[in-house]
Amino acid sequence: MKRRAFTMAGLALALTGCGRIVDARATARETAFEAEFPPTGQLIQVQGRTVHVDIRGSGPDLILLHGASGNSRDFTFSLADRLATRYRVLAFDRPGLGWTDAIGAQTDNPIAQAELLRAAADQLGVRRPVVLGHSYGGAVAMAWGLRAPGDTAALVIVSGATMPWPGTLTGWYAFLETPLGDRVGPPLLTALAPVSLGNRIMAGIFAPQPVPPGYADYIGVGLAARRGNYRANASQINGLRAYLRVMAPQYPRLTMPVEVIHGGQDSIVPAEIHALPLAEALPNAALTILPDQGHMPQHGDPQAIIAAVDRASVRAGLR
């Protein structure tokens, strides 16, 4: 018994020593990542939290909400400039990701995310915006509409994760929800995972379309590789289905114009599970399926997304 106790104590000491080395390495890499990929916009204080927003252009207000793991650079890579010729485009980092602070225990709550970003938008003088959400951002956009139906001109849901899906998440995300996974997973990944791993994951997200030239260098994979980002993203993905079960029954009361646009080849957020039932549930939805597109049509077919924004604006009486 005593020998076993000594063995466990020795193992604990070894793990503690390794943990310190890993944490130091993770901290150094995070510092380098943040220096390489600084905020592209401005940092504002909202309800005691730092919120990052990139604002460009003029015209009716257009909010852009990015998907899981990413940040506002996904939109400012090219789409935001194209939209800024006739909209005031506000691309936000969602809470816990990019350069926006987490919101504690509510970081995994798309409704709480929408409330913080609505407060930020209000602080910036936004009135009756069109709100576009991609992937996880689609859930936040739906929450935005539910919380402020009278002050939301229209919604554009791009490859949105908006409906509760069958089954449960397994694999890496499930592991990160365990106490052991939360403790050891993010530090090890931040300290040791090569950037090339993020690039391979990115290629799978874009499939069947290729990653656009220059995107990997611009998006800031290192920002997503920080320990806080890993934890925030995992909690958001793991918790989303429960929130969608609460939100989805409320969708039929949304009467503003909604453009639902989705890639027919999307295997990450399948259209038949999300886009089709969402369009059926909404009283004023227009559904567009892009047959050849995967999960990232804002890059694979940006003109289709721009057209959807324009249709939403016209339907809302903004243009």
C-alpha atoms as a PDB file:
ATOM      1  CA  MET A   1       0.000   0.000   0.000  1.00  0.00           C
ATOM      2  CA  LYS A   2       2.815   2.335   0.971  1.00  0.00           C
ATOM      3  CA  ARG A   3       4.672   1.473  -2.233  1.00  0.00           C
ATOM      4  CA  ARG A   4       1.596   2.287  -4.292  1.00  0.00           C
ATOM      5  CA  ALA A   5       1.217   5.633  -2.521  1.00  0.00           C
ATOM      6  CA  PHE A   6       4.866   6.467  -3.243  1.00  0.00           C
ATOM      7  CA  THR A   7       4.359   5.477  -6.888  1.00  0.00           C
ATOM      8  CA  MET A   8       1.289   7.721  -7.251  1.00  0.00           C
ATOM      9  CA  ALA A   9       3.083  10.578  -5.522  1.00  0.00           C
ATOM     10  CA  GLY A  10       6.036  10.218  -7.871  1.00  0.00           C
ATOM     11  CA  LEU A  11       3.714  10.159 -10.891  1.00  0.00           C
ATOM     12  CA  ALA A  12       1.946  13.284  -9.642  1.00  0.00           C
ATOM     13  CA  LEU A  13       5.263  15.074  -9.224  1.00  0.00           C
ATOM     14  CA  ALA A  14       6.322  14.054 -12.727  1.00  0.00           C
ATOM     15  CA  LEU A  15       3.031  15.246 -14.211  1.00  0.00           C
ATOM     16  CA  THR A  16       3.299  18.512 -12.306  1.00  0.00           C
ATOM     17  CA  GLY A  17       6.782  19.073 -13.666  1.00  0.00           C
ATOM     18  CA  CYS A  18       5.646  18.271 -17.202  1.00  0.00           C
ATOM     19  CA  GLY A  19       2.623  20.491 -16.717  1.00  0.00           C
ATOM     20  CA  ARG A  20       4.806  23.462 -15.872  1.00  0.00           C
ATOM     21  CA  ILE A  21       6.932  22.906 -18.954  1.00  0.00           C
ATOM     22  CA  VAL A  22       3.848  22.548 -21.154  1.00  0.00           C
ATOM     23  CA  ASP A  23       2.202  25.661 -19.684  1.00  0.00           C
ATOM     24  CA  ALA A  24       5.363  27.714 -20.219  1.00  0.00           C
ATOM     25  CA  ARG A  25       5.576  26.542 -23.811  1.00  0.00           C
ATOM     26  CA  ALA A  26       1.847  27.256 -24.331  1.00  0.00           C
ATOM     27  CA  THR A  27       2.198  30.761 -22.909  1.00  0.00           C
ATOM     28  CA  ALA A  28       5.134  31.523 -25.185  1.00  0.00           C
ATOM     29  CA  ARG A  29       3.256  30.313 -28.259  1.00  0.00           C
ATOM     30  CA  GLU A  30       0.139  32.286 -27.331  1.00  0.00           C
ATOM     31  CA  THR A  31       2.217  35.451 -27.012  1.00  0.00           C
ATOM     32  CA  ALA A  32       3.699  34.838 -30.450  1.00  0.00           C
ATOM     33  CA  PHE A  33       0.300  34.061 -32.007  1.00  0.00           C
ATOM     34  CA  GLU A  34      -1.243  37.252 -30.624  1.00  0.00           C
ATOM     35  CA  ALA A  35       1.656  39.366 -31.863  1.00  0.00           C
ATOM     36  CA  GLU A  36       1.315  37.837 -35.320  1.00  0.00           C
ATOM     37  CA  PHE A  37      -2.466  38.276 -35.537  1.00  0.00           C
ATOM     38  CA  PRO A  38      -3.477  41.508 -33.737  1.00  0.00           C
ATOM     39  CA  PRO A  39      -7.033  42.879 -33.819  1.00  0.00           C
ATOM     40  CA  THR A  40      -8.022  44.118 -37.267  1.00  0.00           C
ATOM     41  CA  GLY A  41     -10.622  46.497 -35.820  1.00  0.00           C
ATOM     42  CA  GLN A  42     -11.272  48.180 -32.512  1.00  0.00           C
ATOM     43  CA  LEU A  43     -11.597  46.889 -28.954  1.00  0.00           C
ATOM     44  CA  ILE A  44     -14.540  48.365 -27.051  1.00  0.00           C
ATOM     45  CA  GLN A  45     -15.697  47.908 -23.476  1.00  0.00           C
ATOM     46  CA  VAL A  46     -19.215  46.522 -23.139  1.00  0.00           C
ATOM     47  CA  GLN A  47     -20.713  45.496 -19.792  1.00  0.00           C
ATOM     48  CA  GLY A  48     -17.221  45.107 -18.360  1.00  0.00           C
ATOM     49  CA  ARG A  49     -16.045  42.900 -21.261  1.00  0.00           C
ATOM     50  CA  THR A  50     -13.721  43.588 -24.175  1.00  0.00           C
ATOM     51  CA  VAL A  51     -15.435  43.136 -27.537  1.00  0.00           C
ATOM     52  CA  HIS A  52     -13.592  43.203 -30.856  1.00  0.00           C
ATOM     53  CA  VAL A  53     -15.400  44.658 -33.861  1.00  0.00           C
ATOM     54  CA  ASP A  54     -14.127  45.443 -37.334  1.00  0.00           C
ATOM     55  CA  ILE A  55     -16.201  48.237 -38.926  1.00  0.00           C
ATOM     56  CA  ARG A  56     -15.988  49.297 -42.550  1.00  0.00           C
ATOM     57  CA  GLY A  57     -18.186  50.901 -45.206  1.00  0.00           C
ATOM     58  CA  SER A  58     -21.389  52.935 -44.961  1.00  0.00           C
ATOM     59  CA  GLY A  59     -25.075  52.313 -45.529  1.00  0.00           C
ATOM     60  CA  PRO A  60     -27.608  50.108 -43.737  1.00  0.00           C
ATOM     61  CA  ASP A  61     -26.095  48.264 -40.777  1.00  0.00           C
ATOM     62  CA  LEU A  62     -24.980  44.692 -41.442  1.00  0.00           C
ATOM     63  CA  ILE A  63     -23.761  42.474 -38.586  1.00  0.00           C
ATOM     64  CA  LEU A  64     -21.476  39.511 -39.384  1.00  0.00           C
ATOM     65  CA  LEU A  65     -21.179  36.642 -36.878  1.00  0.00           C
ATOM     66  CA  HIS A  66     -18.540  33.980 -37.546  1.00  0.00           C
ATOM     67  CA  GLY A  67     -18.680  30.250 -36.934  1.00  0.00           C
ATOM     68  CA  ALA A  68     -17.104  27.829 -34.474  1.00  0.00           C
ATOM     69  CA  SER A  69     -13.406  28.087 -33.660  1.00  0.00           C
ATOM     70  CA  GLY A  70     -12.911  31.085 -35.945  1.00  0.00           C
ATOM     71  CA  ASN A  71     -12.999  34.853 -35.632  1.00  0.00           C
ATOM     72  CA  SER A  72     -14.027  37.931 -37.599  1.00  0.00           C
ATOM     73  CA  ARG A  73     -11.051  37.500 -39.930  1.00  0.00           C
ATOM     74  CA  ASP A  74     -13.095  34.859 -41.744  1.00  0.00           C
ATOM     75  CA  PHE A  75     -15.275  37.708 -43.032  1.00  0.00           C
ATOM     76  CA  THR A  76     -12.653  40.433 -43.346  1.00  0.00           C
ATOM     77  CA  PHE A  77     -10.504  38.197 -45.554  1.00  0.00           C
ATOM     78  CA  SER A  78     -12.556  39.356 -48.564  1.00  0.00           C
ATOM     79  CA  LEU A  79     -16.343  39.354 -48.068  1.00  0.00           C
ATOM     80  CA  ALA A  80     -16.566  42.368 -45.740  1.00  0.00           C
ATOM     81  CA  ASP A  81     -14.881  44.693 -48.235  1.00  0.00           C
ATOM     82  CA  ARG A  82     -17.234  43.605 -50.987  1.00  0.00           C
ATOM     83  CA  LEU A  83     -20.255  44.275 -48.765  1.00  0.00           C
ATOM     84  CA  ALA A  84     -18.825  47.562 -47.476  1.00  0.00           C
ATOM     85  CA  THR A  85     -19.470  49.243 -50.827  1.00  0.00           C
ATOM     86  CA  ARG A  86     -23.135  49.631 -49.787  1.00  0.00           C
ATOM     87  CA  TYR A  87     -23.439  48.592 -46.096  1.00  0.00           C
ATOM     88  CA  ARG A  88     -21.873  49.592 -42.815  1.00  0.00           C
ATOM     89  CA  VAL A  89     -20.372  46.203 -42.018  1.00  0.00           C
ATOM     90  CA  LEU A  90     -19.681  45.274 -38.395  1.00  0.00           C
ATOM     91  CA  ALA A  91     -17.825  41.966 -38.056  1.00  0.00           C
ATOM     92  CA  PHE A  92     -17.667  40.836 -34.431  1.00  0.00           C
ATOM     93  CA  ASP A  93     -15.514  38.267 -32.677  1.00  0.00           C
ATOM     94  CA  ARG A  94     -17.948  36.136 -30.699  1.00  0.00           C
ATOM     95  CA  PRO A  95     -17.403  35.797 -26.912  1.00  0.00           C
ATOM     96  CA  GLY A  96     -14.402  33.700 -25.945  1.00  0.00           C
ATOM     97  CA  LEU A  97     -13.004  33.673 -29.485  1.00  0.00           C
ATOM     98  CA  GLY A  98     -10.689  35.953 -31.404  1.00  0.00           C
ATOM     99  CA  TRP A  99     -10.181  39.116 -29.346  1.00  0.00           C
ATOM    100  CA  THR A 100     -13.542  39.190 -27.525  1.00  0.00           C
ATOM    101  CA  ASP A 101     -13.611  38.214 -23.858  1.00  0.00           C
ATOM    102  CA  ALA A 102     -15.431  35.132 -22.656  1.00  0.00           C
ATOM    103  CA  ILE A 103     -18.549  35.737 -20.558  1.00  0.00           C
ATOM    104  CA  GLY A 104     -17.917  33.250 -17.798  1.00  0.00           C
ATOM    105  CA  ALA A 105     -20.431  30.461 -17.388  1.00  0.00           C
ATOM    106  CA  GLN A 106     -22.549  31.983 -20.181  1.00  0.00           C
ATOM    107  CA  THR A 107     -19.835  31.703 -22.841  1.00  0.00           C
ATOM    108  CA  ASP A 108     -21.528  28.567 -24.228  1.00  0.00           C
ATOM    109  CA  ASN A 109     -24.937  30.256 -24.442  1.00  0.00           C
ATOM    110  CA  PRO A 110     -25.776  31.652 -27.918  1.00  0.00           C
ATOM    111  CA  ILE A 111     -28.522  33.781 -26.370  1.00  0.00           C
ATOM    112  CA  ALA A 112     -26.075  35.403 -23.937  1.00  0.00           C
ATOM    113  CA  GLN A 113     -23.614  35.883 -26.795  1.00  0.00           C
ATOM    114  CA  ALA A 114     -26.276  37.660 -28.817  1.00  0.00           C
ATOM    115  CA  GLU A 115     -27.153  39.885 -25.861  1.00  0.00           C
ATOM    116  CA  LEU A 116     -23.541  40.998 -25.355  1.00  0.00           C
ATOM    117  CA  LEU A 117     -23.038  41.704 -29.053  1.00  0.00           C
ATOM    118  CA  ARG A 118     -26.390  43.506 -29.293  1.00  0.00           C
ATOM    119  CA  ALA A 119     -25.233  45.745 -26.446  1.00  0.00           C
ATOM    120  CA  ALA A 120     -22.010  46.389 -28.348  1.00  0.00           C
ATOM    121  CA  ALA A 121     -23.951  47.183 -31.515  1.00  0.00           C
ATOM    122  CA  ASP A 122     -26.237  49.547 -29.621  1.00  0.00           C
ATOM    123  CA  GLN A 123     -23.165  51.315 -28.212  1.00  0.00           C
ATOM    124  CA  LEU A 124     -21.975  51.784 -31.808  1.00  0.00           C
ATOM    125  CA  GLY A 125     -25.257  53.326 -32.935  1.00  0.00           C
ATOM    126  CA  VAL A 126     -26.576  50.305 -34.831  1.00  0.00           C
ATOM    127  CA  ARG A 127     -30.276  50.463 -35.667  1.00  0.00           C
ATOM    128  CA  ARG A 128     -32.405  47.787 -37.391  1.00  0.00           C
ATOM    129  CA  PRO A 129     -29.489  45.741 -38.705  1.00  0.00           C
ATOM    130  CA  VAL A 130     -29.443  42.830 -41.075  1.00  0.00           C
ATOM    131  CA  VAL A 131     -27.776  40.089 -39.013  1.00  0.00           C
ATOM    132  CA  LEU A 132     -25.786  37.427 -40.874  1.00  0.00           C
ATOM    133  CA  GLY A 133     -24.556  34.344 -39.026  1.00  0.00           C
ATOM    134  CA  HIS A 134     -22.409  31.541 -40.398  1.00  0.00           C
ATOM    135  CA  SER A 135     -22.393  28.025 -38.891  1.00  0.00           C
ATOM    136  CA  TYR A 136     -22.481  28.440 -35.078  1.00  0.00           C
ATOM    137  CA  GLY A 137     -22.950  32.146 -35.756  1.00  0.00           C
ATOM    138  CA  GLY A 138     -26.278  31.192 -37.344  1.00  0.00           C
ATOM    139  CA  ALA A 139     -27.522  30.119 -33.912  1.00  0.00           C
ATOM    140  CA  VAL A 140     -26.365  33.444 -32.447  1.00  0.00           C
ATOM    141  CA  ALA A 141     -28.104  35.315 -35.271  1.00  0.00           C
ATOM    142  CA  MET A 142     -31.339  33.432 -34.545  1.00  0.00           C
ATOM    143  CA  ALA A 143     -30.967  34.290 -30.852  1.00  0.00           C
ATOM    144  CA  TRP A 144     -30.410  37.945 -31.837  1.00  0.00           C
ATOM    145  CA  GLY A 145     -33.687  37.921 -33.752  1.00  0.00           C
ATOM    146  CA  LEU A 146     -35.563  36.209 -30.926  1.00  0.00           C
ATOM    147  CA  ARG A 147     -34.331  38.713 -28.358  1.00  0.00           C
ATOM    148  CA  ALA A 148     -34.908  41.813 -30.484  1.00  0.00           C
ATOM    149  CA  PRO A 149     -37.517  41.000 -33.132  1.00  0.00           C
ATOM    150  CA  GLY A 150     -38.677  44.600 -33.446  1.00  0.00           C
ATOM    151  CA  ASP A 151     -35.183  46.007 -33.957  1.00  0.00           C
ATOM    152  CA  THR A 152     -33.819  43.336 -36.319  1.00  0.00           C
ATOM    153  CA  ALA A 153     -34.526  44.192 -39.949  1.00  0.00           C
ATOM    154  CA  ALA A 154     -33.682  40.755 -41.373  1.00  0.00           C
ATOM    155  CA  LEU A 155     -31.605  37.635 -40.832  1.00  0.00           C
ATOM    156  CA  VAL A 156     -29.268  35.855 -43.237  1.00  0.00           C
ATOM    157  CA  ILE A 157     -28.380  32.349 -42.080  1.00  0.00           C
ATOM    158  CA  VAL A 158     -25.394  30.881 -43.933  1.00  0.00           C
ATOM    159  CA  SER A 159     -24.751  27.162 -43.328  1.00  0.00           C
ATOM    160  CA  GLY A 160     -26.298  27.795 -39.925  1.00  0.00           C
ATOM    161  CA  ALA A 161     -26.339  25.314 -37.041  1.00  0.00           C
ATOM    162  CA  THR A 162     -29.843  26.299 -35.993  1.00  0.00           C
ATOM    163  CA  MET A 163     -31.807  23.121 -35.235  1.00  0.00           C
ATOM    164  CA  PRO A 164     -31.247  20.444 -32.553  1.00  0.00           C
ATOM    165  CA  TRP A 165     -29.627  17.503 -34.277  1.00  0.00           C
ATOM    166  CA  PRO A 166     -30.046  13.779 -33.515  1.00  0.00           C
ATOM    167  CA  GLY A 167     -27.403  11.914 -31.533  1.00  0.00           C
ATOM    168  CA  THR A 168     -24.600  13.302 -29.395  1.00  0.00           C
ATOM    169  CA  LEU A 169     -21.132  14.630 -30.028  1.00  0.00           C
ATOM    170  CA  THR A 170     -18.300  12.160 -29.569  1.00  0.00           C
ATOM    171  CA  GLY A 171     -14.530  12.113 -29.987  1.00  0.00           C
ATOM    172  CA  TRP A 172     -12.395  15.153 -29.301  1.00  0.00           C
ATOM    173  CA  TYR A 173     -15.159  17.545 -28.253  1.00  0.00           C
ATOM    174  CA  ALA A 174     -16.629  15.002 -25.857  1.00  0.00           C
ATOM    175  CA  PHE A 175     -13.170  14.413 -24.362  1.00  0.00           C
ATOM    176  CA  LEU A 176     -12.640  18.138 -23.789  1.00  0.00           C
ATOM    177  CA  GLU A 177     -15.834  18.231 -21.731  1.00  0.00           C
ATOM    178  CA  THR A 178     -14.359  15.808 -19.194  1.00  0.00           C
ATOM    179  CA  PRO A 179     -12.302  17.157 -16.252  1.00  0.00           C
ATOM    180  CA  LEU A 180      -9.208  15.359 -17.564  1.00  0.00           C
ATOM    181  CA  GLY A 181      -9.741  16.591 -21.113  1.00  0.00           C
ATOM    182  CA  ASP A 182     -10.257  20.175 -19.970  1.00  0.00           C
ATOM    183  CA  ARG A 183      -7.112  20.029 -17.852  1.00  0.00           C
ATOM    184  CA  VAL A 184      -4.664  18.437 -20.265  1.00  0.00           C
ATOM    185  CA  GLY A 185      -6.117  18.830 -23.778  1.00  0.00           C
ATOM    186  CA  PRO A 186      -5.878  22.600 -24.407  1.00  0.00           C
ATOM    187  CA  PRO A 187      -2.395  23.079 -22.871  1.00  0.00           C
ATOM    188  CA  LEU A 188      -0.955  20.165 -24.843  1.00  0.00           C
ATOM    189  CA  LEU A 189      -2.490  21.343 -28.101  1.00  0.00           C
ATOM    190  CA  THR A 190      -1.398  24.946 -27.597  1.00  0.00           C
ATOM    191  CA  ALA A 191       2.123  23.929 -26.636  1.00  0.00           C
ATOM    192  CA  LEU A 192       2.766  21.133 -29.090  1.00  0.00           C
ATOM    193  CA  ALA A 193       0.324  20.990 -32.009  1.00  0.00           C
ATOM    194  CA  PRO A 194       1.920  22.143 -35.285  1.00  0.00           C
ATOM    195  CA  VAL A 195       0.182  24.878 -37.256  1.00  0.00           C
ATOM    196  CA  SER A 196       0.009  22.384 -40.123  1.00  0.00           C
ATOM    197  CA  LEU A 197      -2.569  20.432 -38.104  1.00  0.00           C
ATOM    198  CA  GLY A 198      -4.857  23.469 -38.160  1.00  0.00           C
ATOM    199  CA  ASN A 199      -4.334  23.785 -41.888  1.00  0.00           C
ATOM    200  CA  ARG A 200      -5.378  20.154 -42.418  1.00  0.00           C
ATOM    201  CA  ILE A 201      -8.487  20.657 -40.309  1.00  0.00           C
ATOM    202  CA  MET A 202      -9.236  23.802 -42.320  1.00  0.00           C
ATOM    203  CA  ALA A 203      -9.039  21.867 -45.580  1.00  0.00           C
ATOM    204  CA  GLY A 204     -11.675  19.455 -44.281  1.00  0.00           C
ATOM    205  CA  ILE A 205     -13.964  22.322 -43.277  1.00  0.00           C
ATOM    206  CA  PHE A 206     -13.760  23.873 -46.750  1.00  0.00           C
ATOM    207  CA  ALA A 207     -14.253  20.626 -48.685  1.00  0.00           C
ATOM    208  CA  PRO A 208     -15.210  20.054 -51.449  1.00  0.00           C
ATOM    209  CA  GLN A 209     -13.969  23.580 -52.224  1.00  0.00           C
ATOM    210  CA  PRO A 210     -10.260  24.375 -51.744  1.00  0.00           C
ATOM    211  CA  VAL A 211      -9.042  26.799 -49.108  1.00  0.00           C
ATOM    212  CA  PRO A 212      -8.671  30.168 -50.897  1.00  0.00           C
ATOM    213  CA  PRO A 213      -5.093  31.268 -51.567  1.00  0.00           C
ATOM    214  CA  GLY A 214      -3.804  33.387 -48.702  1.00  0.00           C
ATOM    215  CA  TYR A 215      -6.658  32.485 -46.332  1.00  0.00           C
ATOM    216  CA  ALA A 216      -4.599  30.234 -44.035  1.00  0.00           C
ATOM    217  CA  ASP A 217      -1.998  32.969 -43.593  1.00  0.00           C
ATOM    218  CA  TYR A 218      -4.643  35.605 -42.876  1.00  0.00           C
ATOM    219  CA  ILE A 219      -7.208  33.862 -40.653  1.00  0.00           C
ATOM    220  CA  GLY A 220      -4.849  33.421 -37.709  1.00  0.00           C
ATOM    221  CA  VAL A 221      -4.996  29.710 -36.902  1.00  0.00           C
ATOM    222  CA  GLY A 222      -2.828  30.548 -33.904  1.00  0.00           C
ATOM    223  CA  LEU A 223      -5.641  32.606 -32.367  1.00  0.00           C
ATOM    224  CA  ALA A 224      -7.831  29.498 -32.338  1.00  0.00           C
ATOM    225  CA  ALA A 225      -4.946  27.479 -30.864  1.00  0.00           C
ATOM    226  CA  ARG A 226      -4.874  29.407 -27.581  1.00  0.00           C
ATOM    227  CA  ARG A 227      -5.980  27.556 -24.443  1.00  0.00           C
ATOM    228  CA  GLY A 228      -8.890  29.890 -23.757  1.00  0.00           C
ATOM    229  CA  ASN A 229     -10.133  29.618 -27.317  1.00  0.00           C
ATOM    230  CA  TYR A 230      -9.989  25.817 -27.226  1.00  0.00           C
ATOM    231  CA  ARG A 231     -12.008  25.747 -24.025  1.00  0.00           C
ATOM    232  CA  ALA A 232     -14.557  28.343 -25.142  1.00  0.00           C
ATOM    233  CA  ASN A 233     -15.072  26.698 -28.514  1.00  0.00           C
ATOM    234  CA  ALA A 234     -15.452  23.210 -27.026  1.00  0.00           C
ATOM    235  CA  SER A 235     -18.001  24.377 -24.461  1.00  0.00           C
ATOM    236  CA  GLN A 236     -19.966  26.238 -27.134  1.00  0.00           C
ATOM    237  CA  ILE A 237     -20.134  23.260 -29.467  1.00  0.00           C
ATOM    238  CA  ASN A 238     -20.903  20.771 -26.703  1.00  0.00           C
ATOM    239  CA  GLY A 239     -23.636  22.956 -25.239  1.00  0.00           C
ATOM    240  CA  LEU A 240     -25.308  24.155 -28.428  1.00  0.00           C
ATOM    241  CA  ARG A 241     -27.873  21.399 -28.942  1.00  0.00           C
ATOM    242  CA  ALA A 242     -29.465  21.990 -25.530  1.00  0.00           C
ATOM    243  CA  TYR A 243     -29.927  25.685 -26.282  1.00  0.00           C
ATOM    244  CA  LEU A 244     -31.336  24.962 -29.740  1.00  0.00           C
ATOM    245  CA  ARG A 245     -33.975  22.726 -28.155  1.00  0.00           C
ATOM    246  CA  VAL A 246     -35.171  25.801 -26.272  1.00  0.00           C
ATOM    247  CA  MET A 247     -34.820  28.205 -29.190  1.00  0.00           C
ATOM    248  CA  ALA A 248     -36.257  26.189 -32.089  1.00  0.00           C
ATOM    249  CA  PRO A 249     -39.883  26.084 -30.849  1.00  0.00           C
ATOM    250  CA  GLN A 250     -39.803  29.906 -30.770  1.00  0.00           C
ATOM    251  CA  TYR A 251     -38.715  30.346 -34.398  1.00  0.00           C
ATOM    252  CA  PRO A 252     -42.263  30.470 -35.855  1.00  0.00           C
ATOM    253  CA  ARG A 253     -42.920  33.770 -34.076  1.00  0.00           C
ATOM    254  CA  LEU A 254     -40.169  35.520 -36.064  1.00  0.00           C
ATOM    255  CA  THR A 255     -41.838  37.486 -38.845  1.00  0.00           C
ATOM    256  CA  MET A 256     -38.874  39.458 -40.205  1.00  0.00           C
ATOM    257  CA  PRO A 257     -37.443  38.400 -43.600  1.00  0.00           C
ATOM    258  CA  VAL A 258     -34.973  35.540 -43.297  1.00  0.00           C
ATOM    259  CA  GLU A 259     -32.689  34.345 -46.065  1.00  0.00           C
ATOM    260  CA  VAL A 260     -31.556  30.764 -45.408  1.00  0.00           C
ATOM    261  CA  ILE A 261     -28.632  29.830 -47.640  1.00  0.00           C
ATOM    262  CA  HIS A 262     -26.771  26.526 -47.374  1.00  0.00           C
ATOM    263  CA  GLY A 263     -24.320  24.361 -49.256  1.00  0.00           C
ATOM    264  CA  GLY A 264     -25.803  21.166 -50.638  1.00  0.00           C
ATOM    265  CA  GLN A 265     -22.488  19.365 -50.051  1.00  0.00           C
ATOM    266  CA  ASP A 266     -22.163  20.525 -46.431  1.00  0.00           C
ATOM    267  CA  SER A 267     -21.290  17.461 -44.335  1.00  0.00           C
ATOM    268  CA  ILE A 268     -20.459  19.441 -41.179  1.00  0.00           C
ATOM    269  CA  VAL A 269     -23.857  21.120 -40.762  1.00  0.00           C
ATOM    270  CA  PRO A 270     -26.102  19.139 -43.130  1.00  0.00           C
ATOM    271  CA  ALA A 271     -28.806  21.128 -44.882  1.00  0.00           C
ATOM    272  CA  GLU A 272     -31.455  18.457 -44.357  1.00  0.00           C
ATOM    273  CA  ILE A 273     -31.008  18.672 -40.575  1.00  0.00           C
ATOM    274  CA  HIS A 274     -30.722  22.448 -40.292  1.00  0.00           C
ATOM    275  CA  ALA A 275     -31.604  24.612 -43.309  1.00  0.00           C
ATOM    276  CA  LEU A 276     -34.658  22.728 -44.551  1.00  0.00           C
ATOM    277  CA  PRO A 277     -36.529  22.454 -41.230  1.00  0.00           C
ATOM    278  CA  LEU A 278     -35.505  26.009 -40.318  1.00  0.00           C
ATOM    279  CA  ALA A 279     -37.010  27.392 -43.518  1.00  0.00           C
ATOM    280  CA  GLU A 280     -40.187  25.404 -42.885  1.00  0.00           C
ATOM    281  CA  ALA A 281     -40.474  26.736 -39.334  1.00  0.00           C
ATOM    282  CA  LEU A 282     -40.132  30.407 -40.247  1.00  0.00           C
ATOM    283  CA  PRO A 283     -43.147  32.260 -41.655  1.00  0.00           C
ATOM    284  CA  ASN A 284     -41.095  34.631 -43.846  1.00  0.00           C
ATOM    285  CA  ALA A 285     -38.096  32.554 -44.961  1.00  0.00           C
ATOM    286  CA  ALA A 286     -36.564  32.131 -48.397  1.00  0.00           C
ATOM    287  CA  LEU A 287     -34.400  29.036 -48.830  1.00  0.00           C
ATOM    288  CA  THR A 288     -31.454  28.792 -51.222  1.00  0.00           C
ATOM    289  CA  ILE A 289     -29.487  25.568 -51.560  1.00  0.00           C
ATOM    290  CA  LEU A 290     -26.169  25.884 -53.391  1.00  0.00           C
ATOM    291  CA  PRO A 291     -25.806  22.357 -54.831  1.00  0.00           C
ATOM    292  CA  ASP A 292     -22.031  22.258 -55.259  1.00  0.00           C
ATOM    293  CA  GLN A 293     -21.010  24.149 -52.127  1.00  0.00           C
ATOM    294  CA  GLY A 294     -19.746  22.772 -48.833  1.00  0.00           C
ATOM    295  CA  HIS A 295     -19.673  24.430 -45.422  1.00  0.00           C
ATOM    296  CA  MET A 296     -17.961  27.701 -46.455  1.00  0.00           C
ATOM    297  CA  PRO A 297     -20.050  29.245 -49.259  1.00  0.00           C
ATOM    298  CA  GLN A 298     -19.034  32.757 -48.180  1.00  0.00           C
ATOM    299  CA  HIS A 299     -15.715  31.856 -49.817  1.00  0.00           C
ATOM    300  CA  GLY A 300     -16.792  29.286 -52.391  1.00  0.00           C
ATOM    301  CA  ASP A 301     -19.644  31.407 -53.789  1.00  0.00           C
ATOM    302  CA  PRO A 302     -19.426  34.868 -52.196  1.00  0.00           C
ATOM    303  CA  GLN A 303     -21.685  36.442 -54.804  1.00  0.00           C
ATOM    304  CA  ALA A 304     -24.520  34.153 -53.671  1.00  0.00           C
ATOM    305  CA  ILE A 305     -24.082  35.404 -50.098  1.00  0.00           C
ATOM    306  CA  ILE A 306     -23.976  39.043 -51.229  1.00  0.00           C
ATOM    307  CA  ALA A 307     -27.142  38.477 -53.244  1.00  0.00           C
ATOM    308  CA  ALA A 308     -28.844  36.972 -50.177  1.00  0.00           C
ATOM    309  CA  VAL A 309     -27.892  40.030 -48.099  1.00  0.00           C
ATOM    310  CA  ASP A 310     -29.250  42.333 -50.803  1.00  0.00           C
ATOM    311  CA  ARG A 311     -32.517  40.361 -51.000  1.00  0.00           C
ATOM    312  CA  ALA A 312     -32.905  40.532 -47.231  1.00  0.00           C
ATOM    313  CA  SER A 313     -32.283  44.289 -47.273  1.00  0.00           C
ATOM    314  CA  VAL A 314     -34.834  44.875 -50.014  1.00  0.00           C
ATOM    315  CA  ARG A 315     -37.414  42.664 -48.284  1.00  0.00           C
ATOM    316  CA  ALA A 316     -36.839  44.591 -45.048  1.00  0.00           C
ATOM    317  CA  GLY A 317     -37.300  47.946 -46.793  1.00  0.00           C
ATOM    318  CA  LEU A 318     -33.730  49.076 -46.157  1.00  0.00           C
ATOM    319  CA  ARG A 319     -32.850  49.525 -49.832  1.00  0.00           C
END
